Amino acid sequence: QVQLVESGGGLVQAGGSLRLSCVVSVRPYSSHVMGWFRQAPGKEREFVAAVRWGAGTTYYADFVKGRFTISRDRAESTVYLQMNSLKPEDAAQYYCARGNSYSVSPTSYSYWGQGTQVTVSS
């Protein structure tokens, strides 16, 4: 049973930083892609960033480029999302997910965590 557990969310002022973590219970294969998505109230779940577990290739949504960094620790089966220069519009529930290939569509990811809340005050 694959489980993903996120942590690291919280309340931060605009311009501040947070680092989210996602521990995967079963070590991903090199072919897997780990992604971060977010969902704000009343909005659809949207892609934030992804990383290929084996090669480490990273992908970002345009609205986070230069501010967020995704990384993975293969030994710890953990993926991170470092978020800098946070804006009020970044506030959302952030989810970690595992997929078999890179995609910005949530439907391409088979396993999901419960999410961690990020709140950004202005």
PDB file of N, CA and C in Angstrom:
ATOM      1  N   GLN A   1       0.843  -1.188   0.000  1.00  0.00           N
ATOM      2  CA  GLN A   1       0.000   0.000   0.000  1.00  0.00           C
ATOM      3  C   GLN A   1       0.882   1.243   0.000  1.00  0.00           C
ATOM      4  N   VAL A   2       0.726   2.047  -1.014  1.00  0.00           N
ATOM      5  CA  VAL A   2       1.517   3.276  -1.117  1.00  0.00           C
ATOM      6  C   VAL A   2       0.807   4.382  -0.357  1.00  0.00           C
ATOM      7  N   GLN A   3       1.527   4.982   0.547  1.00  0.00           N
ATOM      8  CA  GLN A   3       0.985   6.119   1.293  1.00  0.00           C
ATOM      9  C   GLN A   3       1.920   7.307   1.151  1.00  0.00           C
ATOM     10  N   LEU A   4       1.331   8.482   1.038  1.00  0.00           N
ATOM     11  CA  LEU A   4       2.083   9.715   0.956  1.00  0.00           C
ATOM     12  C   LEU A   4       1.633  10.608   2.101  1.00  0.00           C
ATOM     13  N   VAL A   5       2.587  11.135   2.843  1.00  0.00           N
ATOM     14  CA  VAL A   5       2.257  11.963   3.990  1.00  0.00           C
ATOM     15  C   VAL A   5       2.984  13.295   3.863  1.00  0.00           C
ATOM     16  N   GLU A   6       2.195  14.351   3.734  1.00  0.00           N
ATOM     17  CA  GLU A   6       2.751  15.693   3.629  1.00  0.00           C
ATOM     18  C   GLU A   6       2.866  16.350   5.000  1.00  0.00           C
ATOM     19  N   SER A   7       3.780  17.275   5.086  1.00  0.00           N
ATOM     20  CA  SER A   7       3.927  18.095   6.286  1.00  0.00           C
ATOM     21  C   SER A   7       4.615  19.398   5.890  1.00  0.00           C
ATOM     22  N   GLY A   8       4.618  20.340   6.834  1.00  0.00           N
ATOM     23  CA  GLY A   8       5.333  21.578   6.612  1.00  0.00           C
ATOM     24  C   GLY A   8       4.492  22.793   6.310  1.00  0.00           C
ATOM     25  N   GLY A   9       3.188  22.592   6.150  1.00  0.00           N
ATOM     26  CA  GLY A   9       2.326  23.738   5.901  1.00  0.00           C
ATOM     27  C   GLY A   9       2.175  24.599   7.146  1.00  0.00           C
ATOM     28  N   GLY A  10       1.553  25.740   6.963  1.00  0.00           N
ATOM     29  CA  GLY A  10       1.334  26.631   8.096  1.00  0.00           C
ATOM     30  C   GLY A  10       0.968  28.021   7.631  1.00  0.00           C
ATOM     31  N   LEU A  11       1.030  28.933   8.578  1.00  0.00           N
ATOM     32  CA  LEU A  11       0.703  30.341   8.317  1.00  0.00           C
ATOM     33  C   LEU A  11       2.002  31.130   8.163  1.00  0.00           C
ATOM     34  N   VAL A  12       2.090  31.906   7.107  1.00  0.00           N
ATOM     35  CA  VAL A  12       3.290  32.709   6.861  1.00  0.00           C
ATOM     36  C   VAL A  12       2.869  34.049   6.283  1.00  0.00           C
ATOM     37  N   GLN A  13       3.657  35.051   6.536  1.00  0.00           N
ATOM     38  CA  GLN A  13       3.378  36.363   5.967  1.00  0.00           C
ATOM     39  C   GLN A  13       3.816  36.403   4.498  1.00  0.00           C
ATOM     40  N   ALA A  14       3.173  37.256   3.754  1.00  0.00           N
ATOM     41  CA  ALA A  14       3.571  37.438   2.362  1.00  0.00           C
ATOM     42  C   ALA A  14       5.061  37.783   2.294  1.00  0.00           C
ATOM     43  N   GLY A  15       5.738  37.154   1.354  1.00  0.00           N
ATOM     44  CA  GLY A  15       7.175  37.324   1.228  1.00  0.00           C
ATOM     45  C   GLY A  15       7.981  36.284   1.985  1.00  0.00           C
ATOM     46  N   GLY A  16       7.306  35.532   2.830  1.00  0.00           N
ATOM     47  CA  GLY A  16       7.982  34.521   3.623  1.00  0.00           C
ATOM     48  C   GLY A  16       8.188  33.213   2.879  1.00  0.00           C
ATOM     49  N   SER A  17       8.685  32.224   3.612  1.00  0.00           N
ATOM     50  CA  SER A  17       9.038  30.931   3.020  1.00  0.00           C
ATOM     51  C   SER A  17       8.483  29.785   3.859  1.00  0.00           C
ATOM     52  N   LEU A  18       8.241  28.681   3.174  1.00  0.00           N
ATOM     53  CA  LEU A  18       7.884  27.424   3.810  1.00  0.00           C
ATOM     54  C   LEU A  18       8.522  26.295   3.026  1.00  0.00           C
ATOM     55  N   ARG A  19       8.807  25.198   3.695  1.00  0.00           N
ATOM     56  CA  ARG A  19       9.260  24.010   2.992  1.00  0.00           C
ATOM     57  C   ARG A  19       8.311  22.856   3.309  1.00  0.00           C
ATOM     58  N   LEU A  20       7.694  22.337   2.274  1.00  0.00           N
ATOM     59  CA  LEU A  20       6.808  21.196   2.416  1.00  0.00           C
ATOM     60  C   LEU A  20       7.593  19.912   2.191  1.00  0.00           C
ATOM     61  N   SER A  21       7.195  18.892   2.917  1.00  0.00           N
ATOM     62  CA  SER A  21       7.812  17.570   2.765  1.00  0.00           C
ATOM     63  C   SER A  21       6.734  16.540   2.466  1.00  0.00           C
ATOM     64  N   CYS A  22       7.109  15.509   1.751  1.00  0.00           N
ATOM     65  CA  CYS A  22       6.200  14.418   1.443  1.00  0.00           C
ATOM     66  C   CYS A  22       6.992  13.120   1.538  1.00  0.00           C
ATOM     67  N   VAL A  23       6.626  12.301   2.506  1.00  0.00           N
ATOM     68  CA  VAL A  23       7.289  11.008   2.685  1.00  0.00           C
ATOM     69  C   VAL A  23       6.446   9.934   2.005  1.00  0.00           C
ATOM     70  N   VAL A  24       7.102   9.124   1.201  1.00  0.00           N
ATOM     71  CA  VAL A  24       6.429   8.061   0.472  1.00  0.00           C
ATOM     72  C   VAL A  24       6.742   6.736   1.138  1.00  0.00           C
ATOM     73  N   SER A  25       5.705   5.952   1.446  1.00  0.00           N
ATOM     74  CA  SER A  25       5.901   4.722   2.221  1.00  0.00           C
ATOM     75  C   SER A  25       6.614   3.642   1.419  1.00  0.00           C
ATOM     76  N   VAL A  26       6.414   3.636   0.114  1.00  0.00           N
ATOM     77  CA  VAL A  26       7.079   2.680  -0.766  1.00  0.00           C
ATOM     78  C   VAL A  26       7.982   3.468  -1.702  1.00  0.00           C
ATOM     79  N   ARG A  27       9.272   3.160  -1.701  1.00  0.00           N
ATOM     80  CA  ARG A  27      10.226   3.931  -2.492  1.00  0.00           C
ATOM     81  C   ARG A  27       9.821   3.940  -3.961  1.00  0.00           C
ATOM     82  N   PRO A  28       9.704   5.124  -4.529  1.00  0.00           N
ATOM     83  CA  PRO A  28       9.332   5.193  -5.949  1.00  0.00           C
ATOM     84  C   PRO A  28      10.381   4.549  -6.845  1.00  0.00           C
ATOM     85  N   TYR A  29       9.932   4.048  -8.001  1.00  0.00           N
ATOM     86  CA  TYR A  29      10.851   3.575  -9.010  1.00  0.00           C
ATOM     87  C   TYR A  29      11.471   4.773  -9.722  1.00  0.00           C
ATOM     88  N   SER A  30      12.557   4.524 -10.394  1.00  0.00           N
ATOM     89  CA  SER A  30      13.214   5.602 -11.141  1.00  0.00           C
ATOM     90  C   SER A  30      12.300   6.210 -12.189  1.00  0.00           C
ATOM     91  N   SER A  31      11.371   5.443 -12.683  1.00  0.00           N
ATOM     92  CA  SER A  31      10.464   5.916 -13.733  1.00  0.00           C
ATOM     93  C   SER A  31       9.312   6.761 -13.198  1.00  0.00           C
ATOM     94  N   HIS A  32       9.110   6.747 -11.901  1.00  0.00           N
ATOM     95  CA  HIS A  32       7.997   7.493 -11.327  1.00  0.00           C
ATOM     96  C   HIS A  32       8.266   8.988 -11.320  1.00  0.00           C
ATOM     97  N   VAL A  33       7.171   9.708 -11.294  1.00  0.00           N
ATOM     98  CA  VAL A  33       7.217  11.166 -11.180  1.00  0.00           C
ATOM     99  C   VAL A  33       6.480  11.553  -9.905  1.00  0.00           C
ATOM    100  N   MET A  34       7.090  12.409  -9.132  1.00  0.00           N
ATOM    101  CA  MET A  34       6.443  12.934  -7.933  1.00  0.00           C
ATOM    102  C   MET A  34       6.043  14.383  -8.204  1.00  0.00           C
ATOM    103  N   GLY A  35       4.795  14.679  -7.883  1.00  0.00           N
ATOM    104  CA  GLY A  35       4.288  16.010  -8.168  1.00  0.00           C
ATOM    105  C   GLY A  35       3.702  16.681  -6.947  1.00  0.00           C
ATOM    106  N   TRP A  36       3.676  17.987  -7.005  1.00  0.00           N
ATOM    107  CA  TRP A  36       2.963  18.809  -6.026  1.00  0.00           C
ATOM    108  C   TRP A  36       1.846  19.536  -6.760  1.00  0.00           C
ATOM    109  N   PHE A  37       0.671  19.473  -6.148  1.00  0.00           N
ATOM    110  CA  PHE A  37      -0.495  20.182  -6.650  1.00  0.00           C
ATOM    111  C   PHE A  37      -1.059  21.027  -5.521  1.00  0.00           C
ATOM    112  N   ARG A  38      -1.933  21.946  -5.880  1.00  0.00           N
ATOM    113  CA  ARG A  38      -2.603  22.726  -4.847  1.00  0.00           C
ATOM    114  C   ARG A  38      -4.042  22.982  -5.244  1.00  0.00           C
ATOM    115  N   GLN A  39      -4.840  23.209  -4.222  1.00  0.00           N
ATOM    116  CA  GLN A  39      -6.250  23.489  -4.458  1.00  0.00           C
ATOM    117  C   GLN A  39      -6.738  24.501  -3.446  1.00  0.00           C
ATOM    118  N   ALA A  40      -7.217  25.611  -3.954  1.00  0.00           N
ATOM    119  CA  ALA A  40      -7.805  26.640  -3.114  1.00  0.00           C
ATOM    120  C   ALA A  40      -9.319  26.444  -3.090  1.00  0.00           C
ATOM    121  N   PRO A  41      -9.991  26.945  -2.071  1.00  0.00           N
ATOM    122  CA  PRO A  41     -11.451  26.776  -1.985  1.00  0.00           C
ATOM    123  C   PRO A  41     -12.157  27.300  -3.239  1.00  0.00           C
ATOM    124  N   GLY A  42     -13.015  26.476  -3.783  1.00  0.00           N
ATOM    125  CA  GLY A  42     -13.786  26.874  -4.950  1.00  0.00           C
ATOM    126  C   GLY A  42     -13.049  26.796  -6.263  1.00  0.00           C
ATOM    127  N   LYS A  43     -11.810  26.312  -6.207  1.00  0.00           N
ATOM    128  CA  LYS A  43     -11.012  26.216  -7.430  1.00  0.00           C
ATOM    129  C   LYS A  43     -10.622  24.776  -7.704  1.00  0.00           C
ATOM    130  N   GLU A  44     -10.241  24.527  -8.940  1.00  0.00           N
ATOM    131  CA  GLU A  44      -9.789  23.191  -9.294  1.00  0.00           C
ATOM    132  C   GLU A  44      -8.364  22.960  -8.802  1.00  0.00           C
ATOM    133  N   ARG A  45      -8.052  21.698  -8.643  1.00  0.00           N
ATOM    134  CA  ARG A  45      -6.691  21.326  -8.255  1.00  0.00           C
ATOM    135  C   ARG A  45      -5.758  21.648  -9.425  1.00  0.00           C
ATOM    136  N   GLU A  46      -4.627  22.301  -9.100  1.00  0.00           N
ATOM    137  CA  GLU A  46      -3.726  22.707 -10.166  1.00  0.00           C
ATOM    138  C   GLU A  46      -2.305  22.242  -9.910  1.00  0.00           C
ATOM    139  N   PHE A  47      -1.612  22.016 -11.006  1.00  0.00           N
ATOM    140  CA  PHE A  47      -0.226  21.567 -10.956  1.00  0.00           C
ATOM    141  C   PHE A  47       0.674  22.685 -10.460  1.00  0.00           C
ATOM    142  N   VAL A  48       1.631  22.308  -9.610  1.00  0.00           N
ATOM    143  CA  VAL A  48       2.610  23.258  -9.100  1.00  0.00           C
ATOM    144  C   VAL A  48       4.013  22.909  -9.597  1.00  0.00           C
ATOM    145  N   ALA A  49       4.432  21.679  -9.344  1.00  0.00           N
ATOM    146  CA  ALA A  49       5.784  21.263  -9.714  1.00  0.00           C
ATOM    147  C   ALA A  49       5.855  19.740  -9.727  1.00  0.00           C
ATOM    148  N   ALA A  50       6.857  19.214 -10.424  1.00  0.00           N
ATOM    149  CA  ALA A  50       7.061  17.772 -10.461  1.00  0.00           C
ATOM    150  C   ALA A  50       8.544  17.475 -10.651  1.00  0.00           C
ATOM    151  N   VAL A  51       8.916  16.260 -10.252  1.00  0.00           N
ATOM    152  CA  VAL A  51      10.298  15.826 -10.411  1.00  0.00           C
ATOM    153  C   VAL A  51      10.316  14.351 -10.810  1.00  0.00           C
ATOM    154  N   ARG A  52      11.126  14.033 -11.771  1.00  0.00           N
ATOM    155  CA  ARG A  52      11.333  12.636 -12.142  1.00  0.00           C
ATOM    156  C   ARG A  52      12.233  11.990 -11.092  1.00  0.00           C
ATOM    157  N   TRP A  53      11.742  10.880 -10.497  1.00  0.00           N
ATOM    158  CA  TRP A  53      12.437  10.311  -9.350  1.00  0.00           C
ATOM    159  C   TRP A  53      13.853   9.882  -9.703  1.00  0.00           C
ATOM    160  N   GLY A  54      14.042   9.284 -10.853  1.00  0.00           N
ATOM    161  CA  GLY A  54      15.354   8.775 -11.211  1.00  0.00           C
ATOM    162  C   GLY A  54      16.291   9.876 -11.690  1.00  0.00           C
ATOM    163  N   ALA A  55      15.893  10.586 -12.724  1.00  0.00           N
ATOM    164  CA  ALA A  55      16.775  11.569 -13.358  1.00  0.00           C
ATOM    165  C   ALA A  55      16.831  12.886 -12.603  1.00  0.00           C
ATOM    166  N   GLY A  56      15.808  13.166 -11.830  1.00  0.00           N
ATOM    167  CA  GLY A  56      15.779  14.432 -11.108  1.00  0.00           C
ATOM    168  C   GLY A  56      15.331  15.616 -11.941  1.00  0.00           C
ATOM    169  N   THR A  57      14.864  15.366 -13.144  1.00  0.00           N
ATOM    170  CA  THR A  57      14.365  16.449 -13.991  1.00  0.00           C
ATOM    171  C   THR A  57      13.167  17.115 -13.319  1.00  0.00           C
ATOM    172  N   THR A  58      13.159  18.432 -13.342  1.00  0.00           N
ATOM    173  CA  THR A  58      12.094  19.164 -12.654  1.00  0.00           C
ATOM    174  C   THR A  58      11.232  19.945 -13.635  1.00  0.00           C
ATOM    175  N   TYR A  59      10.002  20.157 -13.228  1.00  0.00           N
ATOM    176  CA  TYR A  59       9.016  20.888 -14.023  1.00  0.00           C
ATOM    177  C   TYR A  59       8.250  21.820 -13.091  1.00  0.00           C
ATOM    178  N   TYR A  60       7.895  22.982 -13.599  1.00  0.00           N
ATOM    179  CA  TYR A  60       7.203  23.972 -12.780  1.00  0.00           C
ATOM    180  C   TYR A  60       6.075  24.639 -13.547  1.00  0.00           C
ATOM    181  N   ALA A  61       5.041  24.984 -12.800  1.00  0.00           N
ATOM    182  CA  ALA A  61       4.022  25.854 -13.357  1.00  0.00           C
ATOM    183  C   ALA A  61       4.617  27.254 -13.495  1.00  0.00           C
ATOM    184  N   ASP A  62       4.176  27.977 -14.482  1.00  0.00           N
ATOM    185  CA  ASP A  62       4.751  29.304 -14.736  1.00  0.00           C
ATOM    186  C   ASP A  62       4.640  30.220 -13.520  1.00  0.00           C
ATOM    187  N   PHE A  63       3.554  30.091 -12.778  1.00  0.00           N
ATOM    188  CA  PHE A  63       3.324  31.029 -11.681  1.00  0.00           C
ATOM    189  C   PHE A  63       4.231  30.784 -10.472  1.00  0.00           C
ATOM    190  N   VAL A  64       5.027  29.719 -10.480  1.00  0.00           N
ATOM    191  CA  VAL A  64       5.948  29.482  -9.355  1.00  0.00           C
ATOM    192  C   VAL A  64       7.409  29.485  -9.776  1.00  0.00           C
ATOM    193  N   LYS A  65       7.659  29.609 -11.061  1.00  0.00           N
ATOM    194  CA  LYS A  65       9.044  29.599 -11.525  1.00  0.00           C
ATOM    195  C   LYS A  65       9.832  30.731 -10.873  1.00  0.00           C
ATOM    196  N   GLY A  66      10.989  30.365 -10.361  1.00  0.00           N
ATOM    197  CA  GLY A  66      11.848  31.345  -9.711  1.00  0.00           C
ATOM    198  C   GLY A  66      11.544  31.542  -8.229  1.00  0.00           C
ATOM    199  N   ARG A  67      10.423  30.983  -7.775  1.00  0.00           N
ATOM    200  CA  ARG A  67      10.058  31.130  -6.362  1.00  0.00           C
ATOM    201  C   ARG A  67      10.044  29.787  -5.626  1.00  0.00           C
ATOM    202  N   PHE A  68       9.600  28.746  -6.301  1.00  0.00           N
ATOM    203  CA  PHE A  68       9.477  27.421  -5.686  1.00  0.00           C
ATOM    204  C   PHE A  68      10.544  26.498  -6.270  1.00  0.00           C
ATOM    205  N   THR A  69      11.005  25.559  -5.443  1.00  0.00           N
ATOM    206  CA  THR A  69      11.965  24.560  -5.894  1.00  0.00           C
ATOM    207  C   THR A  69      11.534  23.190  -5.397  1.00  0.00           C
ATOM    208  N   ILE A  70      11.424  22.250  -6.316  1.00  0.00           N
ATOM    209  CA  ILE A  70      11.104  20.875  -5.945  1.00  0.00           C
ATOM    210  C   ILE A  70      12.401  20.071  -5.938  1.00  0.00           C
ATOM    211  N   SER A  71      12.500  19.172  -4.972  1.00  0.00           N
ATOM    212  CA  SER A  71      13.676  18.307  -4.891  1.00  0.00           C
ATOM    213  C   SER A  71      13.264  16.986  -4.277  1.00  0.00           C
ATOM    214  N   ARG A  72      14.145  15.998  -4.366  1.00  0.00           N
ATOM    215  CA  ARG A  72      13.844  14.706  -3.746  1.00  0.00           C
ATOM    216  C   ARG A  72      15.086  14.141  -3.104  1.00  0.00           C
ATOM    217  N   ASP A  73      14.827  13.387  -2.032  1.00  0.00           N
ATOM    218  CA  ASP A  73      15.871  12.655  -1.346  1.00  0.00           C
ATOM    219  C   ASP A  73      15.566  11.185  -1.569  1.00  0.00           C
ATOM    220  N   ARG A  74      16.303  10.565  -2.460  1.00  0.00           N
ATOM    221  CA  ARG A  74      15.987   9.199  -2.843  1.00  0.00           C
ATOM    222  C   ARG A  74      16.193   8.239  -1.683  1.00  0.00           C
ATOM    223  N   ALA A  75      17.180   8.491  -0.866  1.00  0.00           N
ATOM    224  CA  ALA A  75      17.458   7.596   0.264  1.00  0.00           C
ATOM    225  C   ALA A  75      16.335   7.638   1.300  1.00  0.00           C
ATOM    226  N   GLU A  76      15.721   8.808   1.435  1.00  0.00           N
ATOM    227  CA  GLU A  76      14.662   8.975   2.427  1.00  0.00           C
ATOM    228  C   GLU A  76      13.265   8.861   1.829  1.00  0.00           C
ATOM    229  N   SER A  77      13.190   8.605   0.533  1.00  0.00           N
ATOM    230  CA  SER A  77      11.889   8.523  -0.155  1.00  0.00           C
ATOM    231  C   SER A  77      11.028   9.734   0.159  1.00  0.00           C
ATOM    232  N   THR A  78      11.635  10.879   0.066  1.00  0.00           N
ATOM    233  CA  THR A  78      10.968  12.120   0.432  1.00  0.00           C
ATOM    234  C   THR A  78      11.121  13.134  -0.698  1.00  0.00           C
ATOM    235  N   VAL A  79      10.056  13.838  -0.962  1.00  0.00           N
ATOM    236  CA  VAL A  79      10.097  14.925  -1.927  1.00  0.00           C
ATOM    237  C   VAL A  79       9.758  16.221  -1.200  1.00  0.00           C
ATOM    238  N   TYR A  80      10.426  17.271  -1.596  1.00  0.00           N
ATOM    239  CA  TYR A  80      10.287  18.563  -0.933  1.00  0.00           C
ATOM    240  C   TYR A  80       9.789  19.625  -1.912  1.00  0.00           C
ATOM    241  N   LEU A  81       9.162  20.625  -1.340  1.00  0.00           N
ATOM    242  CA  LEU A  81       8.799  21.812  -2.106  1.00  0.00           C
ATOM    243  C   LEU A  81       9.199  23.026  -1.270  1.00  0.00           C
ATOM    244  N   GLN A  82      10.275  23.662  -1.675  1.00  0.00           N
ATOM    245  CA  GLN A  82      10.720  24.885  -1.029  1.00  0.00           C
ATOM    246  C   GLN A  82       9.996  26.048  -1.676  1.00  0.00           C
ATOM    247  N   MET A  83       9.273  26.787  -0.869  1.00  0.00           N
ATOM    248  CA  MET A  83       8.462  27.891  -1.381  1.00  0.00           C
ATOM    249  C   MET A  83       8.974  29.204  -0.802  1.00  0.00           C
ATOM    250  N   ASN A  84       9.453  30.063  -1.646  1.00  0.00           N
ATOM    251  CA  ASN A  84       9.965  31.381  -1.239  1.00  0.00           C
ATOM    252  C   ASN A  84       9.092  32.483  -1.840  1.00  0.00           C
ATOM    253  N   SER A  85       9.235  33.665  -1.295  1.00  0.00           N
ATOM    254  CA  SER A  85       8.496  34.831  -1.797  1.00  0.00           C
ATOM    255  C   SER A  85       7.010  34.522  -1.940  1.00  0.00           C
ATOM    256  N   LEU A  86       6.452  33.935  -0.900  1.00  0.00           N
ATOM    257  CA  LEU A  86       5.043  33.528  -0.955  1.00  0.00           C
ATOM    258  C   LEU A  86       4.125  34.732  -1.087  1.00  0.00           C
ATOM    259  N   LYS A  87       3.053  34.513  -1.829  1.00  0.00           N
ATOM    260  CA  LYS A  87       2.052  35.535  -2.071  1.00  0.00           C
ATOM    261  C   LYS A  87       0.715  35.067  -1.506  1.00  0.00           C
ATOM    262  N   PRO A  88      -0.189  35.981  -1.203  1.00  0.00           N
ATOM    263  CA  PRO A  88      -1.511  35.553  -0.703  1.00  0.00           C
ATOM    264  C   PRO A  88      -2.206  34.572  -1.656  1.00  0.00           C
ATOM    265  N   GLU A  89      -1.991  34.729  -2.946  1.00  0.00           N
ATOM    266  CA  GLU A  89      -2.629  33.825  -3.905  1.00  0.00           C
ATOM    267  C   GLU A  89      -2.024  32.421  -3.915  1.00  0.00           C
ATOM    268  N   ASP A  90      -0.932  32.204  -3.185  1.00  0.00           N
ATOM    269  CA  ASP A  90      -0.373  30.866  -3.049  1.00  0.00           C
ATOM    270  C   ASP A  90      -1.090  30.054  -1.972  1.00  0.00           C
ATOM    271  N   ALA A  91      -1.946  30.693  -1.208  1.00  0.00           N
ATOM    272  CA  ALA A  91      -2.659  29.999  -0.142  1.00  0.00           C
ATOM    273  C   ALA A  91      -3.552  28.908  -0.727  1.00  0.00           C
ATOM    274  N   ALA A  92      -3.414  27.702  -0.196  1.00  0.00           N
ATOM    275  CA  ALA A  92      -4.176  26.557  -0.707  1.00  0.00           C
ATOM    276  C   ALA A  92      -3.826  25.328   0.123  1.00  0.00           C
ATOM    277  N   GLN A  93      -4.560  24.263  -0.151  1.00  0.00           N
ATOM    278  CA  GLN A  93      -4.162  22.947   0.351  1.00  0.00           C
ATOM    279  C   GLN A  93      -3.183  22.380  -0.674  1.00  0.00           C
ATOM    280  N   TYR A  94      -2.015  21.975  -0.191  1.00  0.00           N
ATOM    281  CA  TYR A  94      -0.992  21.438  -1.096  1.00  0.00           C
ATOM    282  C   TYR A  94      -0.938  19.928  -0.965  1.00  0.00           C
ATOM    283  N   TYR A  95      -0.921  19.262  -2.119  1.00  0.00           N
ATOM    284  CA  TYR A  95      -0.942  17.814  -2.169  1.00  0.00           C
ATOM    285  C   TYR A  95       0.288  17.273  -2.886  1.00  0.00           C
ATOM    286  N   CYS A  96       0.763  16.166  -2.394  1.00  0.00           N
ATOM    287  CA  CYS A  96       1.828  15.408  -3.025  1.00  0.00           C
ATOM    288  C   CYS A  96       1.192  14.224  -3.759  1.00  0.00           C
ATOM    289  N   ALA A  97       1.749  13.863  -4.887  1.00  0.00           N
ATOM    290  CA  ALA A  97       1.185  12.761  -5.660  1.00  0.00           C
ATOM    291  C   ALA A  97       2.270  12.010  -6.416  1.00  0.00           C
ATOM    292  N   ARG A  98       1.992  10.752  -6.696  1.00  0.00           N
ATOM    293  CA  ARG A  98       2.908   9.930  -7.476  1.00  0.00           C
ATOM    294  C   ARG A  98       2.259   9.487  -8.767  1.00  0.00           C
ATOM    295  N   GLY A  99       2.988   9.682  -9.841  1.00  0.00           N
ATOM    296  CA  GLY A  99       2.483   9.266 -11.134  1.00  0.00           C
ATOM    297  C   GLY A  99       3.497   8.428 -11.890  1.00  0.00           C
ATOM    298  N   ASN A 100       3.025   7.816 -12.971  1.00  0.00           N
ATOM    299  CA  ASN A 100       3.894   6.971 -13.776  1.00  0.00           C
ATOM    300  C   ASN A 100       4.617   7.745 -14.870  1.00  0.00           C
ATOM    301  N   SER A 101       4.139   8.947 -15.132  1.00  0.00           N
ATOM    302  CA  SER A 101       4.794   9.778 -16.138  1.00  0.00           C
ATOM    303  C   SER A 101       4.482  11.229 -15.839  1.00  0.00           C
ATOM    304  N   TYR A 102       5.249  12.124 -16.417  1.00  0.00           N
ATOM    305  CA  TYR A 102       5.040  13.548 -16.164  1.00  0.00           C
ATOM    306  C   TYR A 102       3.758  14.021 -16.834  1.00  0.00           C
ATOM    307  N   SER A 103       2.996  14.777 -16.073  1.00  0.00           N
ATOM    308  CA  SER A 103       1.792  15.400 -16.582  1.00  0.00           C
ATOM    309  C   SER A 103       1.399  16.521 -15.644  1.00  0.00           C
ATOM    310  N   VAL A 104       0.721  17.522 -16.178  1.00  0.00           N
ATOM    311  CA  VAL A 104       0.182  18.577 -15.321  1.00  0.00           C
ATOM    312  C   VAL A 104      -1.254  18.261 -14.918  1.00  0.00           C
ATOM    313  N   SER A 105      -1.789  17.156 -15.408  1.00  0.00           N
ATOM    314  CA  SER A 105      -3.155  16.776 -15.085  1.00  0.00           C
ATOM    315  C   SER A 105      -3.192  15.913 -13.835  1.00  0.00           C
ATOM    316  N   PRO A 106      -4.014  16.286 -12.862  1.00  0.00           N
ATOM    317  CA  PRO A 106      -4.119  15.472 -11.648  1.00  0.00           C
ATOM    318  C   PRO A 106      -4.568  14.036 -11.934  1.00  0.00           C
ATOM    319  N   THR A 107      -5.302  13.842 -12.995  1.00  0.00           N
ATOM    320  CA  THR A 107      -5.816  12.501 -13.289  1.00  0.00           C
ATOM    321  C   THR A 107      -4.719  11.523 -13.685  1.00  0.00           C
ATOM    322  N   SER A 108      -3.548  12.021 -13.983  1.00  0.00           N
ATOM    323  CA  SER A 108      -2.430  11.150 -14.364  1.00  0.00           C
ATOM    324  C   SER A 108      -1.665  10.614 -13.162  1.00  0.00           C
ATOM    325  N   TYR A 109      -2.043  11.052 -11.980  1.00  0.00           N
ATOM    326  CA  TYR A 109      -1.354  10.648 -10.756  1.00  0.00           C
ATOM    327  C   TYR A 109      -2.243   9.692  -9.974  1.00  0.00           C
ATOM    328  N   SER A 110      -1.661   8.568  -9.568  1.00  0.00           N
ATOM    329  CA  SER A 110      -2.465   7.495  -8.978  1.00  0.00           C
ATOM    330  C   SER A 110      -2.550   7.545  -7.467  1.00  0.00           C
ATOM    331  N   TYR A 111      -1.534   8.068  -6.838  1.00  0.00           N
ATOM    332  CA  TYR A 111      -1.487   8.069  -5.377  1.00  0.00           C
ATOM    333  C   TYR A 111      -1.340   9.499  -4.872  1.00  0.00           C
ATOM    334  N   TRP A 112      -2.108   9.783  -3.800  1.00  0.00           N
ATOM    335  CA  TRP A 112      -2.177  11.138  -3.266  1.00  0.00           C
ATOM    336  C   TRP A 112      -2.055  11.134  -1.753  1.00  0.00           C
ATOM    337  N   GLY A 113      -1.462  12.188  -1.242  1.00  0.00           N
ATOM    338  CA  GLY A 113      -1.484  12.403   0.180  1.00  0.00           C
ATOM    339  C   GLY A 113      -2.746  13.133   0.599  1.00  0.00           C
ATOM    340  N   GLN A 114      -2.859  13.388   1.897  1.00  0.00           N
ATOM    341  CA  GLN A 114      -4.039  14.065   2.435  1.00  0.00           C
ATOM    342  C   GLN A 114      -3.939  15.574   2.319  1.00  0.00           C
ATOM    343  N   GLY A 115      -2.742  16.059   2.076  1.00  0.00           N
ATOM    344  CA  GLY A 115      -2.566  17.493   1.884  1.00  0.00           C
ATOM    345  C   GLY A 115      -2.095  18.200   3.140  1.00  0.00           C
ATOM    346  N   THR A 116      -1.523  19.359   2.932  1.00  0.00           N
ATOM    347  CA  THR A 116      -1.102  20.221   4.022  1.00  0.00           C
ATOM    348  C   THR A 116      -1.487  21.652   3.664  1.00  0.00           C
ATOM    349  N   GLN A 117      -2.014  22.375   4.634  1.00  0.00           N
ATOM    350  CA  GLN A 117      -2.578  23.698   4.373  1.00  0.00           C
ATOM    351  C   GLN A 117      -1.495  24.763   4.427  1.00  0.00           C
ATOM    352  N   VAL A 118      -1.498  25.614   3.444  1.00  0.00           N
ATOM    353  CA  VAL A 118      -0.616  26.782   3.412  1.00  0.00           C
ATOM    354  C   VAL A 118      -1.482  28.031   3.421  1.00  0.00           C
ATOM    355  N   THR A 119      -1.252  28.888   4.389  1.00  0.00           N
ATOM    356  CA  THR A 119      -1.984  30.145   4.514  1.00  0.00           C
ATOM    357  C   THR A 119      -0.985  31.291   4.456  1.00  0.00           C
ATOM    358  N   VAL A 120      -1.260  32.267   3.617  1.00  0.00           N
ATOM    359  CA  VAL A 120      -0.348  33.402   3.442  1.00  0.00           C
ATOM    360  C   VAL A 120      -1.104  34.675   3.769  1.00  0.00           C
ATOM    361  N   SER A 121      -0.638  35.385   4.770  1.00  0.00           N
ATOM    362  CA  SER A 121      -1.294  36.630   5.163  1.00  0.00           C
ATOM    363  C   SER A 121      -0.651  37.817   4.442  1.00  0.00           C
ATOM    364  N   SER A 122      -1.482  38.786   4.123  1.00  0.00           N
ATOM    365  CA  SER A 122      -0.970  39.952   3.382  1.00  0.00           C
ATOM    366  C   SER A 122      -0.561  41.069   4.319  1.00  0.00           C
TER     367      SER A 122
END
